[in-house]
């Protein structure tokens, strides 16, 4: 089985081009002002326009209200919306109805119990994402370079396609895939030269490592 990758938090044409050239299955725009990767829906729509039809476009949100979600849906028109906050399954269903987009639910993982929580999401999402819990006091729910114990996912199957996220980079993604069997991987800080600054060469190296995994 070939593992596919999502490059998240893209904000510039050269980094988007690197993701497309490397064969990324998904590209992500983070619409969350507290993030160093934040991009507003209009800027994102302009940037990601040439990705349409080549790769899936994902809008990453954190407890977004209906007004912001409507703006994202009308202007950016993402294929998928990633919920990375404290949203409930009921809220996920509302987001799908409001936007017409598919849903990725990111789940913060530290223990096996956190992975078991995925079962309640299967009926209302298209994809699951297992991400590392951020350090205590972090203002961000993800994209902080933290990892978790990948063996927690070894041998597990889920009723929806799922992403492995959290602290991945070109140097460790191969091992992460071998341990977890992840069909999809997600990277953000692991392809940056500084917080929020994506590096085309690191994106290319990461995608090469995924292809070789």
Protein backbone atom coordinates (compact mmCIF):
# COMPACT_ATOMS: atom_id res chain seq x y z
CA UNK A 1 0.00 0.00 0.00
CA UNK A 2 1.34 3.41 -0.96
CA UNK A 3 1.25 6.05 1.75
CA UNK A 4 0.03 9.46 0.66
CA UNK A 5 0.92 12.82 2.17
CA UNK A 6 -0.67 16.12 3.14
CA UNK A 7 1.50 19.23 3.30
CA UNK A 8 -0.20 21.59 5.72
CA UNK A 9 0.14 25.29 6.44
CA UNK A 10 1.19 26.42 2.97
CA UNK A 11 1.25 30.20 2.43
CA UNK A 12 3.43 30.88 -0.63
CA UNK A 13 3.44 29.92 -4.32
CA UNK A 14 6.89 28.30 -4.24
CA UNK A 15 6.00 25.97 -1.39
CA UNK A 16 2.69 25.03 -2.98
CA UNK A 17 4.56 24.29 -6.21
CA UNK A 18 6.96 22.04 -4.28
CA UNK A 19 4.05 20.12 -2.79
CA UNK A 20 2.39 19.68 -6.17
CA UNK A 21 5.64 18.70 -7.89
CA UNK A 22 6.34 16.10 -5.21
CA UNK A 23 2.93 14.49 -5.58
CA UNK A 24 1.23 15.56 -2.35
CA UNK A 25 -2.25 14.07 -2.14
CA UNK A 26 -3.53 17.01 -0.07
CA UNK A 27 -2.47 20.59 0.58
CA UNK A 28 -3.66 22.54 3.60
CA UNK A 29 -4.47 26.16 4.39
CA UNK A 30 -4.57 27.03 8.10
CA UNK A 31 -7.37 29.53 8.78
CA UNK A 32 -6.64 30.25 12.44
CA UNK A 33 -5.23 33.67 13.41
CA UNK A 34 -3.20 32.36 16.37
CA UNK A 35 -1.15 30.15 14.08
CA UNK A 36 2.07 31.39 12.42
CA UNK A 37 0.73 29.64 9.31
CA UNK A 38 -2.57 31.56 9.24
CA UNK A 39 -3.87 32.61 5.85
CA UNK A 40 -7.19 34.33 5.26
CA UNK A 41 -9.75 32.64 2.96
CA UNK A 42 -9.35 35.12 0.08
CA UNK A 43 -5.54 34.82 0.05
CA UNK A 44 -5.87 31.05 0.32
CA UNK A 45 -8.34 30.90 -2.57
CA UNK A 46 -5.95 32.82 -4.81
CA UNK A 47 -2.96 30.72 -3.78
CA UNK A 48 -4.61 27.32 -4.01
CA UNK A 49 -6.53 27.91 -7.23
CA UNK A 50 -3.99 26.07 -9.38
CA UNK A 51 -4.03 23.08 -7.03
CA UNK A 52 -7.64 22.26 -7.84
CA UNK A 53 -8.04 19.08 -9.79
CA UNK A 54 -4.47 18.07 -8.96
CA UNK A 55 -4.70 17.51 -5.22
CA UNK A 56 -7.22 17.81 -2.41
CA UNK A 57 -7.52 21.27 -0.83
CA UNK A 58 -8.00 21.27 2.95
CA UNK A 59 -8.99 24.20 5.18
CA UNK A 60 -7.72 23.69 8.73
CA UNK A 61 -9.92 25.33 11.38
CA UNK A 62 -10.03 25.49 15.16
CA UNK A 63 -13.50 25.92 16.68
CA UNK A 64 -14.52 28.17 13.79
CA UNK A 65 -17.92 29.85 14.02
CA UNK A 66 -20.59 29.65 11.32
CA UNK A 67 -19.61 33.00 9.83
CA UNK A 68 -16.00 31.98 9.25
CA UNK A 69 -16.99 28.55 7.96
CA UNK A 70 -19.40 30.14 5.49
CA UNK A 71 -16.65 32.49 4.32
CA UNK A 72 -14.27 29.55 3.87
CA UNK A 73 -16.88 27.56 1.95
CA UNK A 74 -17.88 30.42 -0.37
CA UNK A 75 -14.40 31.83 -1.06
CA UNK A 76 -11.87 29.02 -0.64
CA UNK A 77 -14.24 26.17 -1.58
CA UNK A 78 -12.12 23.44 0.07
CA UNK A 79 -12.61 19.76 -0.63
CA UNK A 80 -12.23 19.03 3.08
CA UNK A 81 -12.40 20.98 6.32
CA UNK A 82 -10.11 19.82 9.12
CA UNK A 83 -11.50 20.27 12.63
CA UNK A 84 -8.62 20.76 15.02
CA UNK A 85 -10.33 22.21 18.09
CA UNK A 86 -12.83 21.01 20.68
CA UNK A 87 -15.58 20.30 18.17
CA UNK A 88 -18.06 17.51 18.92
CA UNK A 89 -19.40 14.90 16.48
CA UNK A 90 -22.61 16.91 16.35
CA UNK A 91 -20.68 20.01 15.38
CA UNK A 92 -18.85 18.06 12.68
CA UNK A 93 -22.21 17.12 11.15
CA UNK A 94 -23.24 20.78 11.25
CA UNK A 95 -20.01 21.84 9.53
CA UNK A 96 -20.60 19.33 6.74
CA UNK A 97 -24.14 20.61 6.21
CA UNK A 98 -23.11 24.27 6.35
CA UNK A 99 -20.12 24.01 4.01
CA UNK A 100 -20.77 21.02 1.79
CA UNK A 101 -17.17 19.95 2.38
CA UNK A 102 -15.86 16.63 3.64
CA UNK A 103 -14.54 16.45 7.19
CA UNK A 104 -11.17 15.50 8.70
CA UNK A 105 -11.24 15.21 12.49
CA UNK A 106 -7.89 15.68 14.23
CA UNK A 107 -7.57 13.85 17.55
CA UNK A 108 -4.85 14.68 20.06
CA UNK A 109 -3.04 11.55 21.24
CA UNK A 110 -0.96 10.78 24.29
CA UNK A 111 -2.39 7.41 25.43
CA UNK A 112 -4.29 4.45 23.98
CA UNK A 113 -7.52 5.92 25.39
CA UNK A 114 -7.12 8.91 23.10
CA UNK A 115 -7.08 6.59 20.09
CA UNK A 116 -10.15 4.69 21.32
CA UNK A 117 -12.01 8.01 21.16
CA UNK A 118 -11.91 7.75 17.37
CA UNK A 119 -14.83 5.33 17.31
CA UNK A 120 -17.44 8.02 17.97
CA UNK A 121 -16.23 10.04 14.98
CA UNK A 122 -16.43 7.39 12.27
CA UNK A 123 -20.11 8.01 11.39
CA UNK A 124 -19.66 11.75 10.80
CA UNK A 125 -16.22 12.24 9.20
CA UNK A 126 -14.41 11.27 6.01
CA UNK A 127 -10.95 11.01 7.58
CA UNK A 128 -9.43 10.73 11.02
CA UNK A 129 -6.13 12.28 12.01
CA UNK A 130 -4.03 11.18 14.97
CA UNK A 131 -1.84 14.06 16.12
CA UNK A 132 0.35 14.50 19.19
CA UNK A 133 -1.05 16.40 22.13
CA UNK A 134 0.71 19.76 22.30
CA UNK A 135 2.78 20.66 25.36
CA UNK A 136 0.94 22.10 28.34
CA UNK A 137 0.19 25.77 27.86
CA UNK A 138 0.56 25.73 24.08
CA UNK A 139 -1.68 28.20 22.24
CA UNK A 140 -1.75 25.88 19.24
CA UNK A 141 -3.54 22.51 18.98
CA UNK A 142 -1.01 21.18 16.48
CA UNK A 143 1.96 22.11 14.32
CA UNK A 144 4.32 22.28 17.29
CA UNK A 145 6.66 19.45 16.31
CA UNK A 146 5.57 17.07 19.09
CA UNK A 147 5.33 13.30 18.54
CA UNK A 148 3.56 10.50 20.39
CA UNK A 149 4.19 6.78 20.84
CA UNK A 150 3.59 5.40 17.35
CA UNK A 151 3.29 1.83 18.64
CA UNK A 152 -0.14 2.83 19.99
CA UNK A 153 -1.36 2.61 16.39
CA UNK A 154 0.48 -0.57 15.39
CA UNK A 155 -1.87 -3.22 14.02
CA UNK A 156 -4.98 -1.10 14.41
CA UNK A 157 -7.64 -0.61 11.75
CA UNK A 158 -10.23 2.13 11.54
CA UNK A 159 -13.50 2.51 9.62
CA UNK A 160 -12.26 5.67 7.93
CA UNK A 161 -8.98 6.52 6.14
CA UNK A 162 -6.61 8.07 8.64
CA UNK A 163 -3.63 10.38 8.87
CA UNK A 164 -0.63 10.14 11.16
CA UNK A 165 0.56 13.59 12.25
CA UNK A 166 2.77 15.15 14.86
CA UNK A 167 6.50 15.80 14.61
CA UNK A 168 7.02 14.06 11.28
CA UNK A 169 9.87 15.01 8.97
CA UNK A 170 11.92 13.50 6.17
CA UNK A 171 14.15 11.73 8.67
CA UNK A 172 11.49 9.87 10.65
CA UNK A 173 8.45 9.49 8.41
CA UNK A 174 9.65 6.17 6.99
CA UNK A 175 9.96 4.64 10.45
CA UNK A 176 6.62 6.12 11.47
CA UNK A 177 4.87 4.51 8.52
CA UNK A 178 6.55 1.14 9.14
CA UNK A 179 5.44 1.13 12.77
CA UNK A 180 1.90 2.39 12.31
CA UNK A 181 0.95 1.28 8.82
CA UNK A 182 -0.45 4.77 8.27
CA UNK A 183 -2.13 5.16 4.87
CA UNK A 184 -1.82 8.94 5.10
CA UNK A 185 0.68 11.27 6.77
CA UNK A 186 0.47 14.97 7.56
CA UNK A 187 3.38 17.38 7.98
CA UNK A 188 3.66 21.05 8.87
CA UNK A 189 6.52 22.15 11.13
CA UNK A 190 8.67 19.26 9.89
CA UNK A 191 9.14 20.98 6.51
CA UNK A 192 9.84 24.47 7.87
CA UNK A 193 13.04 26.49 8.29
CA UNK A 194 11.33 28.64 10.96
CA UNK A 195 7.83 28.67 12.49
CA UNK A 196 5.40 29.25 9.64
CA UNK A 197 8.14 29.38 6.99
CA UNK A 198 7.92 26.38 4.68
CA UNK A 199 11.05 25.25 2.83
CA UNK A 200 10.55 23.87 -0.72
CA UNK A 201 13.60 21.61 -0.40
CA UNK A 202 12.32 20.12 2.85
CA UNK A 203 8.91 19.57 1.29
CA UNK A 204 10.53 17.73 -1.61
CA UNK A 205 12.65 15.61 0.75
CA UNK A 206 9.65 14.73 2.88
CA UNK A 207 7.58 13.63 -0.12
CA UNK A 208 10.51 11.59 -1.43
CA UNK A 209 10.79 9.89 1.97
CA UNK A 210 7.06 9.09 1.97
CA UNK A 211 7.30 7.59 -1.49
CA UNK A 212 10.20 5.41 -0.32
CA UNK A 213 8.49 4.33 2.93
